[in-house]
Amino acid sequence: MQRSYYEDIVALLKKRLGASSVIIFNHIFRFRGSPLTPYQCDSTHKNPGLDAHVDIDPSGVPWKVEQLLGEEEAKKAMHHRFQMINIWRPIGPNPVMNIPLALCDYRSVDVDKDIHVVQHRGTPNSLSGYAMSHNAQGAQKWYYLSQMRSDEMFVFKIFDSKPDVAQFGAHAAFINKNVPPTNVEQQSIEVRCLVFYDQ
């Protein structure tokens, strides 16, 4: 099942983005409804992340590429444009309603004031990432899909080596107070991918 899903994601990104190669380096299931206890959480089973963030900051991306490819191959792969992308979608029969994922419009972010580097400990996937603070001017624009189902997905950047485009998609789960609370299980899966181009 995992292999088939990974193959589908790789094919999707190659077709839609024109990528030459895609490496999926981890996935996480997140559970909504009754929160998982600390004993139920592990590297691939977690509760939703309620703090606005970006998974990996730019200094950590080359480290991740080298970790996966080795030093020599990493240098070749990073010679052209490359990205780190997250693909997030609900899974199972129930739509995600109570704790959906929201994405921030990059154009509304003050990169110098809203973004702060944070160190990650105890994770094999990144050394550091970004935390995002509320903009004092209230300029940030956040979007989500209500009642998002398993045939819908978000595809958003964690990093892009091309300097003149949006660099990342800050994101966070949030408690949706517009719907009644429920313990009905709502699940999602996210996969993180390195995406490489020939030019």
N, C-alpha and C. Protein backbone atom coordinates (compact mmCIF):
# COMPACT_ATOMS: atom_id res chain seq x y z
N MET A 1 0.82 -1.21 0.00
CA MET A 1 0.00 0.00 0.00
C MET A 1 0.87 1.27 0.00
N GLN A 2 1.88 1.32 0.92
CA GLN A 2 2.74 2.49 0.98
C GLN A 2 3.49 2.68 -0.33
N ARG A 3 4.03 1.59 -0.87
CA ARG A 3 4.80 1.68 -2.11
C ARG A 3 3.94 2.20 -3.24
N SER A 4 2.71 1.71 -3.34
CA SER A 4 1.80 2.15 -4.39
C SER A 4 1.46 3.63 -4.24
N TYR A 5 1.23 4.07 -3.00
CA TYR A 5 0.90 5.48 -2.76
C TYR A 5 2.09 6.37 -3.12
N TYR A 6 3.28 5.96 -2.71
CA TYR A 6 4.47 6.72 -3.05
C TYR A 6 4.63 6.82 -4.57
N GLU A 7 4.43 5.71 -5.26
CA GLU A 7 4.55 5.72 -6.73
C GLU A 7 3.56 6.69 -7.36
N ASP A 8 2.34 6.73 -6.84
CA ASP A 8 1.32 7.65 -7.36
C ASP A 8 1.73 9.10 -7.14
N ILE A 9 2.28 9.40 -5.96
CA ILE A 9 2.71 10.77 -5.67
C ILE A 9 3.86 11.18 -6.57
N VAL A 10 4.83 10.29 -6.75
CA VAL A 10 5.97 10.59 -7.63
C VAL A 10 5.48 10.87 -9.05
N ALA A 11 4.59 10.03 -9.56
CA ALA A 11 4.06 10.22 -10.91
C ALA A 11 3.31 11.54 -11.02
N LEU A 12 2.53 11.88 -10.01
CA LEU A 12 1.77 13.13 -10.01
C LEU A 12 2.70 14.33 -10.09
N LEU A 13 3.73 14.35 -9.26
CA LEU A 13 4.64 15.50 -9.24
C LEU A 13 5.45 15.61 -10.53
N LYS A 14 5.87 14.49 -11.06
CA LYS A 14 6.61 14.53 -12.33
C LYS A 14 5.73 15.08 -13.45
N LYS A 15 4.48 14.63 -13.48
CA LYS A 15 3.58 15.07 -14.54
C LYS A 15 3.19 16.54 -14.39
N ARG A 16 2.81 16.94 -13.19
CA ARG A 16 2.30 18.30 -12.97
C ARG A 16 3.39 19.35 -12.94
N LEU A 17 4.57 18.99 -12.42
CA LEU A 17 5.64 19.97 -12.24
C LEU A 17 6.74 19.86 -13.27
N GLY A 18 6.75 18.77 -14.04
CA GLY A 18 7.83 18.57 -15.00
C GLY A 18 9.14 18.22 -14.33
N ALA A 19 9.08 17.60 -13.16
CA ALA A 19 10.27 17.25 -12.42
C ALA A 19 10.98 16.07 -13.08
N SER A 20 12.30 16.05 -12.95
CA SER A 20 13.06 14.93 -13.50
C SER A 20 13.12 13.77 -12.51
N SER A 21 13.14 14.06 -11.22
CA SER A 21 13.11 13.00 -10.22
C SER A 21 12.47 13.50 -8.93
N VAL A 22 11.90 12.56 -8.19
CA VAL A 22 11.22 12.87 -6.93
C VAL A 22 11.62 11.81 -5.92
N ILE A 23 12.00 12.25 -4.73
CA ILE A 23 12.31 11.33 -3.64
C ILE A 23 11.39 11.64 -2.47
N ILE A 24 10.59 10.68 -2.06
CA ILE A 24 9.77 10.84 -0.86
C ILE A 24 10.60 10.35 0.31
N PHE A 25 10.79 11.23 1.31
CA PHE A 25 11.67 10.84 2.41
C PHE A 25 10.96 10.59 3.72
N ASN A 26 9.69 10.94 3.84
CA ASN A 26 8.94 10.48 5.01
C ASN A 26 7.45 10.76 4.84
N HIS A 27 6.66 10.14 5.68
CA HIS A 27 5.23 10.40 5.72
C HIS A 27 4.78 10.39 7.18
N ILE A 28 3.67 11.09 7.42
CA ILE A 28 3.11 11.18 8.77
C ILE A 28 1.60 11.05 8.68
N PHE A 29 1.03 10.19 9.50
CA PHE A 29 -0.42 10.14 9.69
C PHE A 29 -0.74 11.05 10.87
N ARG A 30 -1.78 11.87 10.71
CA ARG A 30 -2.22 12.72 11.82
C ARG A 30 -3.69 12.39 12.11
N PHE A 31 -3.99 12.31 13.40
CA PHE A 31 -5.30 11.86 13.84
C PHE A 31 -6.07 13.00 14.49
N ARG A 32 -7.31 13.18 14.03
CA ARG A 32 -8.19 14.20 14.58
C ARG A 32 -9.34 13.51 15.28
N GLY A 33 -10.05 14.23 16.14
CA GLY A 33 -11.04 13.61 17.00
C GLY A 33 -10.42 13.55 18.38
N SER A 34 -10.45 12.41 19.05
CA SER A 34 -9.78 12.27 20.34
C SER A 34 -8.26 12.29 20.11
N PRO A 35 -7.54 13.21 20.78
CA PRO A 35 -6.09 13.29 20.55
C PRO A 35 -5.38 12.00 20.96
N LEU A 36 -4.31 11.69 20.23
CA LEU A 36 -3.46 10.57 20.62
C LEU A 36 -2.71 10.92 21.90
N THR A 37 -2.49 9.94 22.74
CA THR A 37 -1.66 10.16 23.92
C THR A 37 -0.20 10.16 23.49
N PRO A 38 0.69 10.68 24.34
CA PRO A 38 2.12 10.63 23.98
C PRO A 38 2.62 9.22 23.68
N TYR A 39 2.03 8.22 24.33
CA TYR A 39 2.45 6.84 24.10
C TYR A 39 2.00 6.32 22.73
N GLN A 40 0.96 6.94 22.17
CA GLN A 40 0.46 6.50 20.86
C GLN A 40 1.17 7.21 19.72
N CYS A 41 1.84 8.31 20.02
CA CYS A 41 2.53 9.08 18.98
C CYS A 41 3.92 8.49 18.74
N ASP A 42 4.34 8.50 17.48
CA ASP A 42 5.71 8.14 17.12
C ASP A 42 6.09 8.95 15.89
N SER A 43 7.13 8.55 15.20
CA SER A 43 7.63 9.36 14.08
C SER A 43 6.65 9.44 12.91
N THR A 44 5.70 8.50 12.82
CA THR A 44 4.76 8.53 11.70
C THR A 44 3.29 8.65 12.13
N HIS A 45 3.02 8.74 13.42
CA HIS A 45 1.64 8.87 13.93
C HIS A 45 1.62 10.00 14.95
N LYS A 46 0.94 11.09 14.58
CA LYS A 46 0.98 12.29 15.42
C LYS A 46 -0.38 12.98 15.44
N ASN A 47 -0.51 13.90 16.41
CA ASN A 47 -1.65 14.80 16.44
C ASN A 47 -1.38 15.95 15.46
N PRO A 48 -2.42 16.71 15.09
CA PRO A 48 -2.20 17.86 14.20
C PRO A 48 -1.27 18.89 14.83
N GLY A 49 -0.49 19.55 13.98
CA GLY A 49 0.39 20.62 14.43
C GLY A 49 -0.35 21.95 14.43
N LEU A 50 -0.61 22.50 15.62
CA LEU A 50 -1.44 23.69 15.74
C LEU A 50 -0.66 25.00 15.69
N ASP A 51 0.66 24.93 15.63
CA ASP A 51 1.46 26.15 15.54
C ASP A 51 1.83 26.42 14.09
N ALA A 52 1.71 27.67 13.67
CA ALA A 52 2.07 28.04 12.29
C ALA A 52 3.57 27.85 12.10
N HIS A 53 3.93 27.16 11.00
CA HIS A 53 5.32 26.79 10.84
C HIS A 53 5.65 26.44 9.39
N VAL A 54 6.94 26.28 9.14
CA VAL A 54 7.48 25.69 7.92
C VAL A 54 8.40 24.58 8.39
N ASP A 55 8.27 23.38 7.82
CA ASP A 55 8.92 22.20 8.37
C ASP A 55 10.44 22.30 8.44
N ILE A 56 11.05 22.85 7.41
CA ILE A 56 12.51 22.93 7.34
C ILE A 56 12.90 24.30 6.80
N ASP A 57 13.91 24.92 7.40
CA ASP A 57 14.38 26.21 6.89
C ASP A 57 15.44 25.96 5.81
N PRO A 58 15.79 26.97 5.03
CA PRO A 58 16.70 26.76 3.89
C PRO A 58 18.05 26.16 4.26
N SER A 59 18.56 26.45 5.44
CA SER A 59 19.87 25.90 5.80
C SER A 59 19.82 24.39 6.00
N GLY A 60 18.65 23.85 6.31
CA GLY A 60 18.53 22.42 6.56
C GLY A 60 18.27 21.58 5.32
N VAL A 61 17.89 22.23 4.23
CA VAL A 61 17.53 21.46 3.03
C VAL A 61 18.74 20.78 2.40
N PRO A 62 19.85 21.48 2.18
CA PRO A 62 21.02 20.78 1.63
C PRO A 62 21.47 19.61 2.52
N TRP A 63 21.37 19.79 3.82
CA TRP A 63 21.69 18.70 4.75
C TRP A 63 20.83 17.48 4.48
N LYS A 64 19.53 17.72 4.25
CA LYS A 64 18.62 16.60 4.00
C LYS A 64 18.93 15.95 2.66
N VAL A 65 19.23 16.73 1.64
CA VAL A 65 19.57 16.19 0.32
C VAL A 65 20.83 15.32 0.44
N GLU A 66 21.83 15.84 1.15
CA GLU A 66 23.09 15.07 1.31
C GLU A 66 22.86 13.81 2.13
N GLN A 67 21.99 13.90 3.13
CA GLN A 67 21.68 12.72 3.94
C GLN A 67 21.08 11.61 3.08
N LEU A 68 20.25 11.99 2.12
CA LEU A 68 19.56 11.01 1.29
C LEU A 68 20.40 10.53 0.11
N LEU A 69 21.21 11.41 -0.48
CA LEU A 69 21.91 11.09 -1.72
C LEU A 69 23.41 10.87 -1.55
N GLY A 70 23.97 11.30 -0.44
CA GLY A 70 25.42 11.29 -0.31
C GLY A 70 25.98 12.60 -0.85
N GLU A 71 27.16 12.95 -0.42
CA GLU A 71 27.73 14.26 -0.72
C GLU A 71 27.90 14.52 -2.21
N GLU A 72 28.48 13.57 -2.93
CA GLU A 72 28.77 13.78 -4.35
C GLU A 72 27.50 13.91 -5.18
N GLU A 73 26.55 12.98 -5.00
CA GLU A 73 25.29 13.03 -5.75
C GLU A 73 24.46 14.24 -5.38
N ALA A 74 24.52 14.64 -4.11
CA ALA A 74 23.77 15.82 -3.66
C ALA A 74 24.24 17.08 -4.38
N LYS A 75 25.54 17.22 -4.53
CA LYS A 75 26.08 18.39 -5.24
C LYS A 75 25.58 18.44 -6.67
N LYS A 76 25.56 17.29 -7.34
CA LYS A 76 25.05 17.25 -8.71
C LYS A 76 23.57 17.59 -8.75
N ALA A 77 22.79 17.02 -7.84
CA ALA A 77 21.34 17.22 -7.84
C ALA A 77 20.97 18.66 -7.55
N MET A 78 21.77 19.33 -6.71
CA MET A 78 21.44 20.71 -6.32
C MET A 78 22.02 21.74 -7.29
N HIS A 79 22.64 21.26 -8.37
CA HIS A 79 23.19 22.19 -9.37
C HIS A 79 22.07 22.91 -10.11
N HIS A 80 20.93 22.24 -10.30
CA HIS A 80 19.76 22.85 -10.93
C HIS A 80 18.69 23.11 -9.86
N ARG A 81 17.59 23.63 -10.30
CA ARG A 81 16.50 23.94 -9.38
C ARG A 81 16.04 22.68 -8.64
N PHE A 82 15.75 22.83 -7.36
CA PHE A 82 15.15 21.74 -6.59
C PHE A 82 14.22 22.32 -5.53
N GLN A 83 13.30 21.52 -5.09
CA GLN A 83 12.28 21.95 -4.13
C GLN A 83 12.07 20.86 -3.08
N MET A 84 11.52 21.29 -1.97
CA MET A 84 10.97 20.35 -1.00
C MET A 84 9.48 20.64 -0.93
N ILE A 85 8.67 19.61 -1.11
CA ILE A 85 7.22 19.79 -1.23
C ILE A 85 6.50 18.85 -0.27
N ASN A 86 5.42 19.34 0.28
CA ASN A 86 4.56 18.55 1.16
C ASN A 86 3.24 18.30 0.43
N ILE A 87 2.80 17.05 0.43
CA ILE A 87 1.48 16.72 -0.11
C ILE A 87 0.63 16.21 1.05
N TRP A 88 -0.44 16.94 1.33
CA TRP A 88 -1.30 16.69 2.49
C TRP A 88 -2.71 16.38 2.01
N ARG A 89 -3.28 15.30 2.55
CA ARG A 89 -4.66 14.98 2.17
C ARG A 89 -5.35 14.23 3.30
N PRO A 90 -6.67 14.36 3.39
CA PRO A 90 -7.43 13.51 4.31
C PRO A 90 -7.40 12.08 3.82
N ILE A 91 -7.56 11.13 4.74
CA ILE A 91 -7.73 9.72 4.38
C ILE A 91 -8.89 9.16 5.18
N GLY A 92 -9.44 8.08 4.69
CA GLY A 92 -10.57 7.47 5.39
C GLY A 92 -11.89 8.04 4.92
N PRO A 93 -13.00 7.55 5.48
CA PRO A 93 -14.33 7.93 4.99
C PRO A 93 -14.83 9.28 5.48
N ASN A 94 -14.24 9.81 6.55
CA ASN A 94 -14.77 11.03 7.15
C ASN A 94 -14.01 12.26 6.68
N PRO A 95 -14.71 13.32 6.28
CA PRO A 95 -14.02 14.56 5.90
C PRO A 95 -13.36 15.19 7.11
N VAL A 96 -12.30 15.96 6.87
CA VAL A 96 -11.65 16.71 7.94
C VAL A 96 -12.44 17.99 8.15
N MET A 97 -13.04 18.10 9.33
CA MET A 97 -13.89 19.24 9.63
C MET A 97 -13.42 20.01 10.87
N ASN A 98 -13.09 19.28 11.94
CA ASN A 98 -12.86 19.93 13.23
C ASN A 98 -11.49 20.56 13.36
N ILE A 99 -10.48 19.94 12.78
CA ILE A 99 -9.13 20.50 12.88
C ILE A 99 -8.51 20.46 11.48
N PRO A 100 -8.98 21.35 10.60
CA PRO A 100 -8.46 21.35 9.23
C PRO A 100 -7.08 21.99 9.15
N LEU A 101 -6.46 21.85 7.99
CA LEU A 101 -5.16 22.47 7.74
C LEU A 101 -5.40 23.79 7.01
N ALA A 102 -4.70 24.83 7.44
CA ALA A 102 -4.76 26.14 6.78
C ALA A 102 -3.39 26.48 6.23
N LEU A 103 -3.39 27.13 5.06
CA LEU A 103 -2.15 27.57 4.41
C LEU A 103 -2.13 29.08 4.34
N CYS A 104 -0.95 29.65 4.51
CA CYS A 104 -0.80 31.12 4.46
C CYS A 104 -0.32 31.54 3.08
N ASP A 105 -0.96 32.54 2.53
CA ASP A 105 -0.55 33.13 1.25
C ASP A 105 0.83 33.76 1.43
N TYR A 106 1.81 33.25 0.69
CA TYR A 106 3.19 33.75 0.83
C TYR A 106 3.28 35.26 0.61
N ARG A 107 2.44 35.77 -0.27
CA ARG A 107 2.48 37.20 -0.57
C ARG A 107 2.07 38.06 0.62
N SER A 108 1.41 37.47 1.59
CA SER A 108 0.95 38.23 2.75
C SER A 108 1.91 38.12 3.94
N VAL A 109 3.03 37.41 3.76
CA VAL A 109 3.99 37.21 4.85
C VAL A 109 5.07 38.27 4.79
N ASP A 110 5.36 38.88 5.92
CA ASP A 110 6.53 39.75 6.06
C ASP A 110 7.68 38.84 6.50
N VAL A 111 8.50 38.43 5.54
CA VAL A 111 9.54 37.43 5.81
C VAL A 111 10.51 37.92 6.88
N ASP A 112 10.77 39.21 6.93
CA ASP A 112 11.74 39.74 7.91
C ASP A 112 11.19 39.79 9.33
N LYS A 113 9.87 39.88 9.48
CA LYS A 113 9.29 40.06 10.81
C LYS A 113 8.44 38.88 11.28
N ASP A 114 7.84 38.15 10.36
CA ASP A 114 6.90 37.10 10.74
C ASP A 114 7.54 35.73 10.93
N ILE A 115 8.74 35.54 10.39
CA ILE A 115 9.37 34.22 10.33
C ILE A 115 10.56 34.17 11.28
N HIS A 116 10.65 33.08 12.06
CA HIS A 116 11.71 32.93 13.06
C HIS A 116 12.27 31.51 13.00
N VAL A 117 13.59 31.38 12.97
CA VAL A 117 14.22 30.07 12.93
C VAL A 117 14.07 29.38 14.29
N VAL A 118 13.70 28.11 14.26
CA VAL A 118 13.62 27.30 15.48
C VAL A 118 14.42 26.02 15.27
N GLN A 119 15.08 25.56 16.33
CA GLN A 119 15.86 24.34 16.27
C GLN A 119 14.95 23.14 16.55
N HIS A 120 15.12 22.06 15.79
CA HIS A 120 14.37 20.83 16.01
C HIS A 120 15.25 19.83 16.73
N ARG A 121 14.67 19.17 17.71
CA ARG A 121 15.42 18.13 18.44
C ARG A 121 14.64 16.83 18.38
N GLY A 122 15.36 15.75 18.26
CA GLY A 122 14.73 14.44 18.30
C GLY A 122 14.00 14.06 17.03
N THR A 123 14.33 14.69 15.90
CA THR A 123 13.72 14.31 14.63
C THR A 123 14.80 14.03 13.61
N PRO A 124 14.66 12.98 12.82
CA PRO A 124 15.68 12.67 11.81
C PRO A 124 15.49 13.45 10.51
N ASN A 125 14.43 14.25 10.42
CA ASN A 125 14.09 14.86 9.14
C ASN A 125 14.54 16.29 8.97
N SER A 126 14.84 16.98 10.04
CA SER A 126 15.31 18.36 9.88
C SER A 126 16.07 18.81 11.11
N LEU A 127 16.98 19.75 10.91
CA LEU A 127 17.74 20.34 12.00
C LEU A 127 17.03 21.57 12.55
N SER A 128 16.39 22.31 11.64
CA SER A 128 15.72 23.54 12.04
C SER A 128 14.61 23.86 11.05
N GLY A 129 13.69 24.68 11.49
CA GLY A 129 12.57 25.09 10.64
C GLY A 129 12.21 26.52 10.96
N TYR A 130 11.04 26.93 10.52
CA TYR A 130 10.54 28.27 10.80
C TYR A 130 9.29 28.18 11.67
N ALA A 131 9.24 29.04 12.67
CA ALA A 131 7.98 29.32 13.37
C ALA A 131 7.47 30.64 12.82
N MET A 132 6.18 30.79 12.82
CA MET A 132 5.59 32.00 12.26
C MET A 132 4.79 32.71 13.33
N SER A 133 5.04 34.00 13.47
CA SER A 133 4.29 34.79 14.45
C SER A 133 3.21 35.60 13.76
N HIS A 134 2.23 36.02 14.55
CA HIS A 134 1.14 36.83 14.01
C HIS A 134 1.68 38.18 13.56
N ASN A 135 1.23 38.62 12.41
CA ASN A 135 1.65 39.91 11.88
C ASN A 135 0.88 41.02 12.59
N ALA A 136 1.60 42.01 13.13
CA ALA A 136 0.97 43.08 13.90
C ALA A 136 -0.06 43.86 13.08
N GLN A 137 0.16 43.91 11.77
CA GLN A 137 -0.78 44.64 10.91
C GLN A 137 -1.97 43.78 10.49
N GLY A 138 -1.96 42.52 10.89
CA GLY A 138 -3.05 41.63 10.50
C GLY A 138 -3.09 41.39 9.01
N ALA A 139 -1.91 41.39 8.36
CA ALA A 139 -1.86 41.32 6.90
C ALA A 139 -1.87 39.89 6.37
N GLN A 140 -1.57 38.92 7.21
CA GLN A 140 -1.49 37.54 6.73
C GLN A 140 -2.86 37.04 6.27
N LYS A 141 -2.85 36.31 5.16
CA LYS A 141 -4.08 35.73 4.63
C LYS A 141 -3.96 34.21 4.68
N TRP A 142 -4.91 33.59 5.38
CA TRP A 142 -4.91 32.14 5.57
C TRP A 142 -6.12 31.54 4.88
N TYR A 143 -5.94 30.35 4.32
CA TYR A 143 -7.01 29.67 3.58
C TYR A 143 -7.09 28.20 3.99
N TYR A 144 -8.30 27.67 3.95
CA TYR A 144 -8.48 26.23 4.17
C TYR A 144 -9.68 25.77 3.36
N LEU A 145 -9.82 24.46 3.21
CA LEU A 145 -10.97 23.87 2.56
C LEU A 145 -11.87 23.25 3.62
N SER A 146 -13.12 23.64 3.65
CA SER A 146 -14.04 23.05 4.63
C SER A 146 -14.48 21.67 4.15
N GLN A 147 -14.64 20.77 5.11
CA GLN A 147 -15.08 19.40 4.84
C GLN A 147 -14.23 18.74 3.75
N MET A 148 -12.94 18.90 3.88
CA MET A 148 -12.01 18.35 2.89
C MET A 148 -12.03 16.83 2.94
N ARG A 149 -12.10 16.20 1.76
CA ARG A 149 -12.23 14.74 1.67
C ARG A 149 -10.97 14.11 1.05
N SER A 150 -10.95 12.80 1.04
CA SER A 150 -9.76 12.07 0.63
C SER A 150 -9.46 12.19 -0.86
N ASP A 151 -10.40 12.71 -1.67
CA ASP A 151 -10.11 12.92 -3.08
C ASP A 151 -9.61 14.34 -3.36
N GLU A 152 -9.27 15.07 -2.28
CA GLU A 152 -8.71 16.42 -2.40
C GLU A 152 -7.36 16.45 -1.69
N MET A 153 -6.48 17.32 -2.13
CA MET A 153 -5.16 17.42 -1.49
C MET A 153 -4.61 18.82 -1.61
N PHE A 154 -3.73 19.15 -0.69
CA PHE A 154 -2.90 20.35 -0.77
C PHE A 154 -1.51 19.93 -1.21
N VAL A 155 -0.94 20.67 -2.15
CA VAL A 155 0.45 20.51 -2.56
C VAL A 155 1.11 21.86 -2.30
N PHE A 156 2.05 21.89 -1.37
CA PHE A 156 2.65 23.19 -1.04
C PHE A 156 4.13 23.05 -0.77
N LYS A 157 4.85 24.14 -0.96
CA LYS A 157 6.30 24.15 -0.84
C LYS A 157 6.75 24.26 0.61
N ILE A 158 7.83 23.58 0.89
CA ILE A 158 8.59 23.81 2.11
C ILE A 158 9.82 24.65 1.77
N PHE A 159 10.32 24.47 0.53
CA PHE A 159 11.53 25.17 0.10
C PHE A 159 11.56 25.19 -1.42
N ASP A 160 12.15 26.25 -1.98
CA ASP A 160 12.40 26.32 -3.42
C ASP A 160 13.74 27.02 -3.62
N SER A 161 14.62 26.40 -4.39
CA SER A 161 15.94 27.00 -4.63
C SER A 161 15.88 28.16 -5.62
N LYS A 162 14.78 28.27 -6.36
CA LYS A 162 14.63 29.40 -7.30
C LYS A 162 14.30 30.65 -6.48
N PRO A 163 15.13 31.69 -6.56
CA PRO A 163 14.99 32.80 -5.61
C PRO A 163 13.84 33.77 -5.87
N ASP A 164 13.33 33.82 -7.11
CA ASP A 164 12.35 34.86 -7.44
C ASP A 164 10.91 34.35 -7.44
N VAL A 165 10.64 33.30 -6.66
CA VAL A 165 9.29 32.75 -6.54
C VAL A 165 8.99 32.58 -5.05
N ALA A 166 7.74 32.25 -4.73
CA ALA A 166 7.38 31.97 -3.34
C ALA A 166 8.29 30.87 -2.81
N GLN A 167 8.85 31.09 -1.64
CA GLN A 167 9.86 30.17 -1.10
C GLN A 167 9.28 29.04 -0.27
N PHE A 168 8.14 29.26 0.37
CA PHE A 168 7.58 28.25 1.26
C PHE A 168 6.09 28.53 1.49
N GLY A 169 5.42 27.53 2.02
CA GLY A 169 4.02 27.66 2.42
C GLY A 169 3.89 27.42 3.91
N ALA A 170 3.82 28.49 4.68
CA ALA A 170 3.58 28.33 6.12
C ALA A 170 2.19 27.71 6.30
N HIS A 171 2.05 26.87 7.30
CA HIS A 171 0.81 26.14 7.48
C HIS A 171 0.60 25.79 8.95
N ALA A 172 -0.65 25.49 9.28
CA ALA A 172 -1.00 25.10 10.64
C ALA A 172 -2.38 24.48 10.63
N ALA A 173 -2.58 23.50 11.49
CA ALA A 173 -3.93 23.02 11.75
C ALA A 173 -4.57 24.00 12.74
N PHE A 174 -5.89 24.07 12.73
CA PHE A 174 -6.57 24.94 13.68
C PHE A 174 -7.88 24.30 14.11
N ILE A 175 -8.34 24.66 15.30
CA ILE A 175 -9.61 24.15 15.81
C ILE A 175 -10.73 24.98 15.21
N ASN A 176 -11.54 24.35 14.39
CA ASN A 176 -12.61 25.05 13.68
C ASN A 176 -13.83 25.16 14.59
N LYS A 177 -14.06 26.36 15.12
CA LYS A 177 -15.16 26.57 16.05
C LYS A 177 -16.49 26.76 15.34
N ASN A 178 -16.47 26.72 14.00
CA ASN A 178 -17.71 26.85 13.23
C ASN A 178 -18.44 25.52 13.04
N VAL A 179 -17.83 24.43 13.51
CA VAL A 179 -18.49 23.13 13.43
C VAL A 179 -18.56 22.54 14.84
N PRO A 180 -19.59 21.74 15.14
CA PRO A 180 -19.70 21.18 16.49
C PRO A 180 -18.57 20.20 16.77
N PRO A 181 -18.09 20.17 18.03
CA PRO A 181 -17.04 19.21 18.37
C PRO A 181 -17.52 17.77 18.22
N THR A 182 -16.60 16.90 17.85
CA THR A 182 -16.96 15.49 17.67
C THR A 182 -15.74 14.63 17.95
N ASN A 183 -15.98 13.39 18.34
CA ASN A 183 -14.90 12.43 18.50
C ASN A 183 -14.78 11.50 17.30
N VAL A 184 -15.57 11.79 16.24
CA VAL A 184 -15.47 11.00 15.02
C VAL A 184 -14.06 11.12 14.47
N GLU A 185 -13.46 9.99 14.19
CA GLU A 185 -12.07 10.00 13.74
C GLU A 185 -11.94 10.65 12.37
N GLN A 186 -11.06 11.61 12.29
CA GLN A 186 -10.72 12.27 11.03
C GLN A 186 -9.21 12.17 10.90
N GLN A 187 -8.75 11.64 9.79
CA GLN A 187 -7.33 11.38 9.62
C GLN A 187 -6.78 12.08 8.39
N SER A 188 -5.49 12.33 8.42
CA SER A 188 -4.81 12.86 7.24
C SER A 188 -3.46 12.19 7.12
N ILE A 189 -2.90 12.29 5.92
CA ILE A 189 -1.53 11.83 5.69
C ILE A 189 -0.80 12.93 4.94
N GLU A 190 0.44 13.12 5.29
CA GLU A 190 1.28 14.04 4.55
C GLU A 190 2.56 13.31 4.16
N VAL A 191 3.03 13.59 2.97
CA VAL A 191 4.31 13.05 2.53
C VAL A 191 5.21 14.22 2.14
N ARG A 192 6.47 14.11 2.53
CA ARG A 192 7.43 15.16 2.21
C ARG A 192 8.35 14.64 1.12
N CYS A 193 8.56 15.48 0.13
CA CYS A 193 9.26 15.05 -1.08
C CYS A 193 10.35 16.04 -1.45
N LEU A 194 11.46 15.51 -1.96
CA LEU A 194 12.45 16.33 -2.64
C LEU A 194 12.18 16.21 -4.13
N VAL A 195 12.13 17.34 -4.80
CA VAL A 195 11.78 17.39 -6.22
C VAL A 195 12.93 18.05 -6.96
N PHE A 196 13.45 17.35 -7.98
CA PHE A 196 14.61 17.85 -8.73
C PHE A 196 14.24 18.07 -10.19
N TYR A 197 14.93 19.04 -10.80
CA TYR A 197 14.69 19.40 -12.20
C TYR A 197 16.00 19.32 -12.98
N ASP A 198 15.88 19.13 -14.28
CA ASP A 198 17.08 19.04 -15.13
C ASP A 198 17.67 20.40 -15.44
N GLN A 199 16.89 21.45 -15.21
CA GLN A 199 17.42 22.80 -15.49
C GLN A 199 16.82 23.81 -14.56
